Amino acid sequence: MTENEKNNIFGLLGKNISYSFSRGYFTEKFQKLQLKNHSYFNFDIASCNDFPSIIASENDLKGLNVTIPYKQEIIPFLDELDETAKQIGAVNTIKISKNKSLKGYNSDVVGFEKSIKPLLKTHHQKALILGTGGASKAVAFVLQKSNISFQFVSRNPNGNHEISYENLTQEIIQSHTIIVNCSPLGTSPNIDKFPDIPYQFLNKNHLLYDLIYNPAETIFLSKGKRQGATIKNGLEMLQLQAEESWRIWNDL
């Protein structure tokens, strides 16, 4: 029996994920590739402690994507981490081997790096990362690799690399010409929300990148556009990380 004739189940692990991009993306991909015995499900769990029961009950599970809020919490449940995921401390892709061994990867890195690279200019030397969740760690990893210094902006700053929203001065905004929103503020259906930064200090040198893809233009991005900034949403990053997950699951 070939791999295509066996049941091959993939899925997304998260909380309140009915909106998810991944399920629609992979369902369409399987149809295009005529992979009739491949399917993709949402595994919506209230706690990471429910994860082992999914692994135990789903014998045909080959791989998972991981989203909010489990990208860091999932790590103790895994047998092994890829080197990049280990350095970042966040996982968004799990490969499940035949013996049910679980290895964690981070395909957010590939998605963010490939999608932001064409927009980077020589004056993009410093960045602000809004939010400190799992995705922000992948963003920081890419910026570090690109020799771009960064600071996290948090409602509850903790440590040297973090500052509070209240402390964002004109000088800080104008010297940090990349601003990446890794917070969920502005995600549909709460599209009237946005990160509380002083938008009036943005200018044409700024690049605003929002990991949110729905809506396509958040208030964060539209406020930046009004000030002449370059803007990009998270859709391409999601597509690229999904393809990287597929490559990982299939050893391509």
Protein backbone atom coordinates (compact mmCIF):
# COMPACT_ATOMS: atom_id res chain seq x y z
CA MET A 1 0.00 0.00 0.00
CA THR A 2 1.49 3.38 -0.97
CA GLU A 3 1.58 6.46 1.27
CA ASN A 4 -1.23 7.99 -0.77
CA GLU A 5 -3.50 4.96 -0.29
CA LYS A 6 -3.17 5.03 3.49
CA ASN A 7 -5.04 7.57 5.58
CA ASN A 8 -2.83 10.56 6.26
CA ILE A 9 -4.23 12.99 8.81
CA PHE A 10 -2.77 16.42 9.51
CA GLY A 11 -4.14 19.19 11.67
CA LEU A 12 -3.90 22.42 13.59
CA LEU A 13 -3.48 22.49 17.35
CA GLY A 14 -4.71 25.61 19.13
CA LYS A 15 -7.47 27.27 21.11
CA ASN A 16 -10.54 28.95 19.56
CA ILE A 17 -9.26 28.23 16.05
CA SER A 18 -12.45 27.97 14.00
CA TYR A 19 -11.19 31.00 11.98
CA SER A 20 -8.00 29.12 11.03
CA PHE A 21 -6.22 29.68 7.73
CA SER A 22 -4.44 26.30 7.78
CA ARG A 23 -7.42 23.99 7.39
CA GLY A 24 -8.70 25.73 4.26
CA TYR A 25 -5.20 26.01 2.81
CA PHE A 26 -4.31 22.33 3.20
CA THR A 27 -7.75 21.03 2.21
CA GLU A 28 -7.41 22.95 -1.06
CA LYS A 29 -3.81 21.74 -1.49
CA PHE A 30 -4.85 18.08 -1.07
CA GLN A 31 -7.60 18.54 -3.66
CA LYS A 32 -5.18 20.12 -6.16
CA LEU A 33 -2.64 17.32 -5.65
CA GLN A 34 -5.47 14.71 -5.79
CA LEU A 35 -4.41 13.30 -2.44
CA LYS A 36 -7.76 11.70 -1.68
CA ASN A 37 -6.64 9.97 1.51
CA HIS A 38 -5.16 13.12 3.05
CA SER A 39 -7.25 15.24 5.41
CA TYR A 40 -6.70 18.20 7.73
CA PHE A 41 -8.60 18.89 10.95
CA ASN A 42 -8.67 21.51 13.69
CA PHE A 43 -7.74 20.12 17.10
CA ASP A 44 -9.21 22.81 19.34
CA ILE A 45 -8.10 22.08 22.90
CA ALA A 46 -8.75 23.94 26.15
CA SER A 47 -5.33 23.03 27.56
CA CYS A 48 -2.03 21.56 26.37
CA ASN A 49 -2.66 18.71 28.80
CA ASP A 50 -5.27 17.43 26.30
CA PHE A 51 -2.56 16.97 23.66
CA PRO A 52 -1.39 13.42 24.58
CA SER A 53 -4.93 12.07 24.19
CA ILE A 54 -4.99 13.33 20.56
CA ILE A 55 -1.72 11.52 19.82
CA ALA A 56 -3.03 8.36 21.50
CA SER A 57 -6.36 8.30 19.67
CA GLU A 58 -5.35 9.43 16.15
CA ASN A 59 -3.35 6.55 14.66
CA ASP A 60 -3.12 8.12 11.20
CA LEU A 61 -1.82 11.50 12.39
CA LYS A 62 1.35 12.45 10.46
CA GLY A 63 1.84 16.09 11.33
CA LEU A 64 0.48 19.13 13.14
CA ASN A 65 0.70 22.88 12.94
CA VAL A 66 0.62 24.68 16.29
CA THR A 67 -0.89 28.12 16.87
CA ILE A 68 -1.87 30.49 19.69
CA PRO A 69 -1.53 29.91 22.62
CA TYR A 70 0.52 26.68 22.51
CA LYS A 71 3.71 27.44 20.53
CA GLN A 72 5.79 27.48 23.72
CA GLU A 73 3.60 25.35 26.01
CA ILE A 74 3.77 22.37 23.62
CA ILE A 75 7.55 21.91 23.96
CA PRO A 76 7.60 19.68 27.11
CA PHE A 77 5.24 17.24 25.33
CA LEU A 78 7.68 16.65 22.44
CA ASP A 79 10.47 14.06 22.18
CA GLU A 80 12.86 16.17 20.16
CA LEU A 81 13.37 19.71 18.82
CA ASP A 82 14.94 20.82 15.58
CA GLU A 83 17.96 23.12 16.22
CA THR A 84 16.13 26.30 15.08
CA ALA A 85 13.06 25.57 17.23
CA LYS A 86 15.40 24.91 20.17
CA GLN A 87 17.12 28.28 19.74
CA ILE A 88 13.83 30.15 19.37
CA GLY A 89 11.98 28.35 22.15
CA ALA A 90 8.77 28.08 20.11
CA VAL A 91 7.29 25.36 17.88
CA ASN A 92 4.65 25.70 15.18
CA THR A 93 5.15 22.41 13.29
CA ILE A 94 5.25 18.86 14.68
CA LYS A 95 6.33 15.84 12.68
CA ILE A 96 4.95 12.50 13.92
CA SER A 97 7.03 9.48 12.99
CA LYS A 98 5.78 5.89 12.53
CA ASN A 99 6.68 5.03 16.13
CA LYS A 100 4.71 8.10 17.36
CA SER A 101 7.89 10.03 18.17
CA LEU A 102 7.22 13.79 18.09
CA LYS A 103 9.72 16.31 16.70
CA GLY A 104 9.11 20.06 16.86
CA TYR A 105 10.12 22.60 14.21
CA ASN A 106 9.58 26.31 13.61
CA SER A 107 8.41 27.11 10.07
CA ASP A 108 7.38 30.66 11.10
CA VAL A 109 11.05 31.55 10.67
CA VAL A 110 11.07 30.56 6.99
CA GLY A 111 7.72 32.28 6.38
CA PHE A 112 8.71 35.58 7.99
CA GLU A 113 12.23 35.67 6.54
CA LYS A 114 11.18 35.01 2.93
CA SER A 115 8.26 37.45 3.07
CA ILE A 116 10.06 40.41 4.69
CA LYS A 117 13.39 40.11 2.86
CA PRO A 118 12.29 41.81 -0.42
CA LEU A 119 11.08 44.84 1.57
CA LEU A 120 14.26 45.45 3.59
CA LYS A 121 16.31 48.53 2.71
CA THR A 122 19.66 49.76 4.01
CA HIS A 123 18.03 52.19 6.49
CA HIS A 124 16.14 49.35 8.17
CA GLN A 125 18.62 48.87 11.01
CA LYS A 126 16.37 48.73 14.08
CA ALA A 127 13.01 47.10 14.80
CA LEU A 128 10.22 47.11 17.36
CA ILE A 129 8.38 43.82 17.94
CA LEU A 130 4.91 44.38 19.37
CA GLY A 131 4.00 41.45 21.62
CA THR A 132 6.04 38.69 23.25
CA GLY A 133 4.19 35.46 22.30
CA GLY A 134 5.53 32.46 20.37
CA ALA A 135 5.48 34.13 16.93
CA SER A 136 7.48 37.11 18.23
CA LYS A 137 10.36 34.74 19.04
CA ALA A 138 10.57 33.62 15.39
CA VAL A 139 10.48 37.27 14.24
CA ALA A 140 13.32 38.14 16.66
CA PHE A 141 15.36 35.16 15.40
CA VAL A 142 15.06 36.37 11.77
CA LEU A 143 15.91 39.98 12.65
CA GLN A 144 18.97 38.87 14.61
CA LYS A 145 20.10 36.72 11.67
CA SER A 146 19.67 39.80 9.41
CA ASN A 147 21.78 41.96 11.79
CA ILE A 148 18.80 44.15 12.66
CA SER A 149 18.69 45.15 16.33
CA PHE A 150 15.29 44.95 18.00
CA GLN A 151 13.29 45.60 21.13
CA PHE A 152 10.10 43.93 22.27
CA VAL A 153 7.20 46.20 23.22
CA SER A 154 5.01 44.75 25.95
CA ARG A 155 2.17 45.80 28.23
CA ASN A 156 4.19 44.21 31.05
CA PRO A 157 7.87 44.66 30.15
CA ASN A 158 10.25 42.15 31.61
CA GLY A 159 14.02 42.40 31.10
CA ASN A 160 16.44 44.47 29.01
CA HIS A 161 14.99 43.79 25.57
CA GLU A 162 11.46 44.92 26.49
CA ILE A 163 9.90 48.37 26.77
CA SER A 164 6.35 49.44 27.56
CA TYR A 165 3.94 51.09 25.10
CA GLU A 166 3.88 54.22 27.31
CA ASN A 167 7.62 54.68 26.83
CA LEU A 168 7.51 54.81 23.02
CA THR A 169 8.86 58.32 22.34
CA GLN A 170 9.17 60.12 19.01
CA GLU A 171 12.90 59.34 19.04
CA ILE A 172 12.34 55.60 19.56
CA ILE A 173 9.67 55.39 16.84
CA GLN A 174 11.73 57.32 14.30
CA SER A 175 14.93 55.36 14.92
CA HIS A 176 13.18 51.97 14.76
CA THR A 177 12.06 51.90 11.13
CA ILE A 178 10.68 48.34 11.20
CA ILE A 179 7.62 47.70 13.39
CA VAL A 180 6.20 44.18 13.50
CA ASN A 181 2.84 43.48 15.13
CA CYS A 182 2.94 40.02 16.73
CA SER A 183 0.01 40.78 19.03
CA PRO A 184 -3.52 39.59 18.17
CA LEU A 185 -4.85 43.19 18.29
CA GLY A 186 -6.93 43.88 15.18
CA THR A 187 -7.73 40.28 14.25
CA SER A 188 -11.23 39.68 12.86
CA PRO A 189 -13.85 39.96 14.33
CA ASN A 190 -12.24 42.60 16.64
CA ILE A 191 -11.08 44.71 13.72
CA ASP A 192 -11.45 48.03 15.58
CA LYS A 193 -8.53 47.18 17.89
CA PHE A 194 -4.91 48.20 17.22
CA PRO A 195 -1.59 48.46 19.07
CA ASP A 196 -1.28 51.71 21.03
CA ILE A 197 1.80 53.28 19.47
CA PRO A 198 2.32 56.97 18.52
CA TYR A 199 1.48 56.62 14.81
CA GLN A 200 1.99 60.35 14.18
CA PHE A 201 5.78 59.82 14.31
CA LEU A 202 5.81 57.26 11.46
CA ASN A 203 7.13 58.32 8.04
CA LYS A 204 8.05 56.96 4.59
CA ASN A 205 11.17 55.24 6.00
CA HIS A 206 9.04 52.90 8.09
CA LEU A 207 8.08 49.33 7.26
CA LEU A 208 5.01 48.09 9.16
CA TYR A 209 4.49 44.34 9.10
CA ASP A 210 1.40 42.75 10.68
CA LEU A 211 1.30 38.99 11.28
CA ILE A 212 -2.51 39.27 11.07
CA TYR A 213 -3.98 38.43 7.64
CA ASN A 214 -7.71 38.85 8.37
CA PRO A 215 -8.58 41.65 7.76
CA ALA A 216 -6.09 42.17 4.93
CA GLU A 217 -5.47 45.74 6.12
CA THR A 218 -5.69 46.19 9.89
CA ILE A 219 -6.01 49.62 11.50
CA PHE A 220 -2.32 49.25 12.48
CA LEU A 221 -1.41 48.96 8.78
CA SER A 222 -3.82 51.64 7.53
CA LYS A 223 -2.50 54.16 10.10
CA GLY A 224 1.02 53.39 8.88
CA LYS A 225 0.02 53.74 5.24
CA ARG A 226 -1.49 57.15 5.98
CA GLN A 227 1.93 58.27 7.25
CA GLY A 228 3.64 57.03 4.06
CA ALA A 229 5.02 53.79 5.52
CA THR A 230 5.44 50.56 3.53
CA ILE A 231 2.98 47.95 4.82
CA LYS A 232 2.59 44.17 4.62
CA ASN A 233 0.16 41.72 6.20
CA GLY A 234 0.81 38.14 7.33
CA LEU A 235 -0.85 36.19 4.50
CA GLU A 236 2.30 35.42 2.50
CA MET A 237 4.14 34.44 5.70
CA LEU A 238 1.34 31.96 6.49
CA GLN A 239 1.44 30.49 2.98
CA LEU A 240 5.23 30.13 3.11
CA GLN A 241 5.24 28.55 6.57
CA ALA A 242 2.47 26.15 5.49
CA GLU A 243 4.60 25.03 2.54
CA GLU A 244 7.60 24.63 4.84
CA SER A 245 5.47 22.47 7.17
CA TRP A 246 4.48 20.31 4.19
CA ARG A 247 8.17 19.94 3.24
CA ILE A 248 9.03 18.89 6.83
CA TRP A 249 6.20 16.33 7.07
CA ASN A 250 7.16 14.75 3.76
CA ASP A 251 10.98 14.94 4.01
CA LEU A 252 11.05 16.90 0.74
